[in-house]
Amino acid sequence: MIKSVVSKEYMDLQKEIVKLQEQWKLQLDPETIRPKLDKAAMEAGVPAAALTAIDFEISLFLQWIEEVNTTLLKFNPELAEKLARITSLLNEETAIRWIDEAFSFNHVYFTSFAVEHGLEEWIPQFLAETALRPYLQLTAEKIQPVINRAVPGAGCPVCGEPVRLATLADEGKKVIHCPRCQANWHAKRLECSHCGSEDHKTIQFLTIEGDAISQIQVCEECKGYIKIIDTRQYITKPSAALLDLNSIHLDFVAQENGYNAVGEKKETN
């Protein structure tokens, strides 16, 4: 198996964060998440989480941010000053804004927040997204029984995260996994998750020398790609988030070859 390009330290950090999120999810009252499934909206590609009433407990969200800070400091002591600044900046109003902006993938907002307060660009969105995920994961657990497919190009049917990871399950069936909310759904073996093409002439598979369990499915129609990992060969299957991170070398290969994590329709005259 090819060696991961992710450092052991960063992988250990992410493993600790995944454990934290599992603990946080247990702190949530399931009744605070109330899905209101609209079949027509979901068939149009609207993420189910956007149709769900979620009662966020701001004090808990702020507590989780502090726990992430503590974990980050364990691995990166040099961040102490800037993470302390985050603590002083975060109040209830800002936390509510962070939840809203993380929910809607508003990278521009978080970049502006970081610049305004002299922080590395990644810090605010990383903290907000990390603390938001337990809510999304519990939402996915509630909705999972009715999730059986996704609208091509719409991303995860629960949270809207762009599709980029699949595994091969029993009998070689392709299962798409969302690293963000942990939802999963079956997909056709020869189907582009971005544009829906099923044309065997435009859907190809790239393999990586030294990596016997992974391949990259690429689409010449929209130049999109997804990673496919044969987890049948794993003794212990990692979470979708860790599997996604540990296969980041596939993202590099795909993007170096001109493919995108979000496919785009070609212009037609």
Protein backbone atom coordinates (compact mmCIF):
# COMPACT_ATOMS: atom_id res chain seq x y z
CA MET A 1 0.00 0.00 0.00
CA ILE A 2 1.28 3.46 -0.84
CA LYS A 3 2.48 5.53 2.10
CA SER A 4 0.14 8.35 3.07
CA VAL A 5 1.32 11.86 2.23
CA VAL A 6 -0.33 13.06 5.44
CA SER A 7 2.07 13.38 8.39
CA LYS A 8 1.62 11.05 11.36
CA GLU A 9 1.18 14.08 13.62
CA TYR A 10 -1.66 15.50 11.54
CA MET A 11 -3.34 12.10 11.27
CA ASP A 12 -3.09 11.70 15.06
CA LEU A 13 -4.65 15.15 15.48
CA GLN A 14 -7.54 14.23 13.20
CA LYS A 15 -8.07 10.93 15.04
CA GLU A 16 -8.40 12.85 18.30
CA ILE A 17 -10.85 15.27 16.70
CA VAL A 18 -12.96 12.40 15.38
CA LYS A 19 -13.07 10.96 18.92
CA LEU A 20 -14.12 14.34 20.28
CA GLN A 21 -16.92 14.62 17.72
CA GLU A 22 -18.18 11.17 18.64
CA GLN A 23 -18.29 12.24 22.30
CA TRP A 24 -19.96 15.55 21.47
CA LYS A 25 -22.66 13.84 19.45
CA LEU A 26 -23.62 11.85 22.53
CA GLN A 27 -24.15 15.13 24.39
CA LEU A 28 -26.85 16.19 21.96
CA ASP A 29 -30.51 15.60 22.65
CA PRO A 30 -31.80 13.84 19.50
CA GLU A 31 -35.08 15.77 19.87
CA THR A 32 -33.26 19.03 19.07
CA ILE A 33 -32.88 17.82 15.48
CA ARG A 34 -36.16 17.55 13.62
CA PRO A 35 -35.98 16.59 9.94
CA LYS A 36 -38.74 17.92 7.71
CA LEU A 37 -38.22 15.86 4.63
CA ASP A 38 -39.56 17.33 1.41
CA LYS A 39 -39.31 14.70 -1.30
CA ALA A 40 -39.64 17.17 -4.15
CA ALA A 41 -36.97 19.46 -2.71
CA MET A 42 -34.57 16.58 -2.09
CA GLU A 43 -35.12 15.27 -5.61
CA ALA A 44 -34.18 18.75 -6.80
CA GLY A 45 -30.90 18.48 -4.89
CA VAL A 46 -31.71 20.49 -1.75
CA PRO A 47 -29.66 19.02 1.16
CA ALA A 48 -31.87 17.45 3.81
CA ALA A 49 -30.04 19.36 6.56
CA ALA A 50 -31.30 22.60 5.00
CA LEU A 51 -34.84 21.29 5.53
CA THR A 52 -34.16 20.27 9.13
CA ALA A 53 -34.98 22.29 12.25
CA ILE A 54 -31.90 22.23 14.48
CA ASP A 55 -31.82 23.79 17.94
CA PHE A 56 -28.17 24.69 18.38
CA GLU A 57 -26.98 24.96 21.97
CA ILE A 58 -24.55 27.88 21.72
CA SER A 59 -22.89 27.28 25.11
CA LEU A 60 -22.12 23.72 24.03
CA PHE A 61 -20.77 24.93 20.67
CA LEU A 62 -18.44 27.38 22.45
CA GLN A 63 -17.33 24.64 24.83
CA TRP A 64 -16.47 22.40 21.89
CA ILE A 65 -14.44 25.19 20.28
CA GLU A 66 -12.39 25.37 23.48
CA GLU A 67 -11.87 21.62 23.42
CA VAL A 68 -10.65 21.81 19.82
CA ASN A 69 -8.29 24.62 20.84
CA THR A 70 -6.88 22.45 23.62
CA THR A 71 -6.34 19.59 21.19
CA LEU A 72 -4.69 21.86 18.62
CA LEU A 73 -2.34 23.25 21.28
CA LYS A 74 -1.30 19.73 22.20
CA PHE A 75 0.04 19.27 18.68
CA ASN A 76 0.87 22.92 17.87
CA PRO A 77 1.94 24.85 21.00
CA GLU A 78 3.00 27.78 18.82
CA LEU A 79 -0.69 28.53 18.16
CA ALA A 80 -1.29 29.50 21.80
CA GLU A 81 -1.44 33.26 21.26
CA LYS A 82 -3.78 33.12 18.27
CA LEU A 83 -6.11 30.53 19.76
CA ALA A 84 -6.32 32.66 22.92
CA ARG A 85 -7.40 35.52 20.68
CA ILE A 86 -10.17 33.30 19.26
CA THR A 87 -11.48 32.74 22.78
CA SER A 88 -11.67 36.46 23.42
CA LEU A 89 -13.44 37.09 20.11
CA LEU A 90 -16.10 34.41 20.42
CA ASN A 91 -19.37 35.46 22.00
CA GLU A 92 -22.88 34.15 21.45
CA GLU A 93 -23.56 36.42 18.47
CA THR A 94 -20.32 35.46 16.72
CA ALA A 95 -20.90 31.76 17.44
CA ILE A 96 -24.33 31.91 15.80
CA ARG A 97 -22.75 33.59 12.78
CA TRP A 98 -20.04 30.93 12.64
CA ILE A 99 -22.64 28.17 12.66
CA ASP A 100 -24.60 29.79 9.82
CA GLU A 101 -21.53 30.44 7.69
CA ALA A 102 -19.98 27.01 8.26
CA PHE A 103 -23.32 25.40 7.44
CA SER A 104 -23.36 27.14 4.06
CA PHE A 105 -19.65 26.67 3.21
CA ASN A 106 -18.99 30.43 3.27
CA HIS A 107 -15.21 30.40 2.83
CA VAL A 108 -15.17 34.12 2.02
CA TYR A 109 -16.62 35.05 5.41
CA PHE A 110 -14.08 33.00 7.35
CA THR A 111 -11.17 34.27 5.27
CA SER A 112 -12.29 37.84 5.95
CA PHE A 113 -12.68 37.09 9.67
CA ALA A 114 -9.15 35.67 9.79
CA VAL A 115 -7.64 38.65 7.97
CA GLU A 116 -9.52 41.13 10.16
CA HIS A 117 -8.26 39.55 13.36
CA GLY A 118 -4.74 38.60 12.28
CA LEU A 119 -5.27 34.84 12.21
CA GLU A 120 -4.13 32.14 9.81
CA GLU A 121 -6.86 31.73 7.20
CA TRP A 122 -7.63 28.12 8.12
CA ILE A 123 -8.24 28.61 11.85
CA PRO A 124 -11.77 30.13 12.08
CA GLN A 125 -13.40 27.84 9.52
CA PHE A 126 -11.60 24.78 10.88
CA LEU A 127 -12.92 25.47 14.39
CA ALA A 128 -16.46 26.26 13.24
CA GLU A 129 -16.68 23.27 10.93
CA THR A 130 -15.26 20.90 13.53
CA ALA A 131 -17.83 21.96 16.14
CA LEU A 132 -20.69 21.93 13.62
CA ARG A 133 -20.18 18.37 12.42
CA PRO A 134 -21.76 16.50 15.37
CA TYR A 135 -25.06 18.23 14.53
CA LEU A 136 -24.72 17.26 10.87
CA GLN A 137 -23.76 13.70 11.78
CA LEU A 138 -26.76 13.27 14.07
CA THR A 139 -28.95 14.74 11.33
CA ALA A 140 -27.53 12.19 8.90
CA GLU A 141 -28.22 9.33 11.33
CA LYS A 142 -31.87 10.36 11.53
CA ILE A 143 -32.23 10.75 7.77
CA GLN A 144 -30.04 7.81 6.66
CA PRO A 145 -32.93 5.30 6.35
CA VAL A 146 -34.48 7.34 3.52
CA ILE A 147 -31.23 8.21 1.73
CA ASN A 148 -30.79 5.81 -1.16
CA ARG A 149 -29.35 8.02 -3.88
CA ALA A 150 -28.00 11.50 -4.58
CA VAL A 151 -28.77 14.01 -7.31
CA PRO A 152 -25.67 14.22 -9.53
CA GLY A 153 -23.92 17.52 -9.01
CA ALA A 154 -25.83 18.42 -5.82
CA GLY A 155 -23.33 16.90 -3.41
CA CYS A 156 -24.23 14.95 -0.30
CA PRO A 157 -28.03 14.60 -0.03
CA VAL A 158 -27.80 15.39 3.70
CA CYS A 159 -25.29 18.24 4.06
CA GLY A 160 -24.37 19.28 0.52
CA GLU A 161 -20.64 18.45 0.80
CA PRO A 162 -19.16 17.84 -2.69
CA VAL A 163 -18.93 14.14 -3.48
CA ARG A 164 -15.35 12.85 -3.53
CA LEU A 165 -15.15 9.50 -1.75
CA ALA A 166 -16.55 6.03 -2.41
CA THR A 167 -15.78 2.55 -1.19
CA LEU A 168 -16.31 -0.86 -2.69
CA ALA A 169 -18.58 -2.86 -0.42
CA ASP A 170 -19.72 -6.48 -0.62
CA GLU A 171 -19.80 -7.88 -4.14
CA GLY A 172 -17.97 -4.78 -5.37
CA LYS A 173 -20.93 -2.43 -4.99
CA LYS A 174 -20.00 1.25 -4.98
CA VAL A 175 -21.02 3.17 -1.87
CA ILE A 176 -20.54 6.94 -1.66
CA HIS A 177 -19.51 8.30 1.76
CA CYS A 178 -19.66 11.86 3.03
CA PRO A 179 -16.65 12.66 5.25
CA ARG A 180 -18.52 15.64 6.68
CA CYS A 181 -21.78 14.17 7.99
CA GLN A 182 -21.03 10.45 7.51
CA ALA A 183 -24.08 9.78 5.36
CA ASN A 184 -23.70 7.07 2.73
CA TRP A 185 -25.62 5.87 -0.29
CA HIS A 186 -25.26 3.42 -3.16
CA ALA A 187 -24.35 4.56 -6.64
CA LYS A 188 -24.04 2.87 -9.99
CA ARG A 189 -20.55 1.52 -10.60
CA LEU A 190 -20.29 3.40 -13.89
CA GLU A 191 -21.84 6.77 -13.09
CA CYS A 192 -20.36 10.23 -12.60
CA SER A 193 -21.47 11.68 -9.27
CA HIS A 194 -21.07 15.19 -10.65
CA CYS A 195 -22.87 15.22 -14.00
CA GLY A 196 -24.69 11.87 -13.98
CA SER A 197 -23.01 10.57 -17.13
CA GLU A 198 -23.06 6.79 -17.53
CA ASP A 199 -21.10 6.78 -20.78
CA HIS A 200 -18.34 4.19 -20.60
CA LYS A 201 -16.44 6.14 -23.23
CA THR A 202 -16.09 9.24 -21.05
CA ILE A 203 -15.79 7.63 -17.60
CA GLN A 204 -12.33 6.24 -16.95
CA PHE A 205 -10.37 4.91 -14.00
CA LEU A 206 -6.89 6.01 -12.97
CA THR A 207 -4.76 3.70 -10.87
CA ILE A 208 -1.80 4.60 -8.71
CA GLU A 209 1.42 2.62 -8.81
CA GLY A 210 2.02 1.06 -5.42
CA ASP A 211 -1.59 1.51 -4.31
CA ALA A 212 -3.46 -1.73 -4.90
CA ILE A 213 -6.71 -0.80 -3.17
CA SER A 214 -7.46 2.63 -4.63
CA GLN A 215 -8.48 4.14 -7.93
CA ILE A 216 -9.75 7.46 -9.19
CA GLN A 217 -12.91 7.57 -11.27
CA VAL A 218 -12.72 10.49 -13.70
CA CYS A 219 -15.27 11.91 -16.11
CA GLU A 220 -14.21 13.50 -19.39
CA GLU A 221 -17.66 15.03 -19.76
CA CYS A 222 -17.41 17.34 -16.74
CA LYS A 223 -13.76 16.80 -15.65
CA GLY A 224 -14.93 15.72 -12.22
CA TYR A 225 -13.49 12.87 -10.14
CA ILE A 226 -14.12 10.76 -7.07
CA LYS A 227 -11.80 8.48 -5.12
CA ILE A 228 -12.76 4.80 -4.80
CA ILE A 229 -11.21 2.72 -2.02
CA ASP A 230 -11.62 -1.05 -1.75
CA THR A 231 -12.16 -1.25 2.02
CA ARG A 232 -12.96 -4.95 1.81
CA GLN A 233 -9.23 -5.43 2.36
CA TYR A 234 -9.25 -3.45 5.63
CA ILE A 235 -9.32 -5.37 8.90
CA THR A 236 -10.70 -2.31 10.69
CA LYS A 237 -12.49 0.22 8.51
CA PRO A 238 -11.66 3.85 9.35
CA SER A 239 -14.27 6.59 9.48
CA ALA A 240 -15.08 8.36 6.22
CA ALA A 241 -13.25 11.48 7.44
CA LEU A 242 -10.02 9.58 8.14
CA LEU A 243 -10.33 7.52 4.96
CA ASP A 244 -10.73 10.75 2.99
CA LEU A 245 -7.69 12.30 4.66
CA ASN A 246 -5.51 9.20 4.27
CA SER A 247 -6.27 9.08 0.55
CA ILE A 248 -5.42 12.71 -0.15
CA HIS A 249 -2.65 11.55 -2.49
CA LEU A 250 -5.44 10.55 -4.88
CA ASP A 251 -6.78 14.11 -4.83
CA PHE A 252 -3.34 15.40 -5.76
CA VAL A 253 -3.04 12.96 -8.68
CA ALA A 254 -6.53 13.76 -9.97
CA GLN A 255 -6.05 17.52 -9.78
CA GLU A 256 -2.58 17.34 -11.35
CA ASN A 257 -4.24 15.57 -14.29
CA GLY A 258 -6.82 18.34 -14.72
CA TYR A 259 -9.79 16.90 -12.85
CA ASN A 260 -11.84 18.72 -10.19
CA ALA A 261 -13.55 17.67 -6.96
CA VAL A 262 -16.61 19.50 -8.28
CA GLY A 263 -17.26 18.71 -11.92
CA GLU A 264 -18.30 21.37 -14.39
CA LYS A 265 -20.54 21.05 -17.39
CA LYS A 266 -18.85 21.78 -20.69
CA GLU A 267 -20.19 24.74 -22.58
CA THR A 268 -22.21 23.77 -25.60
CA ASN A 269 -23.00 26.00 -28.55
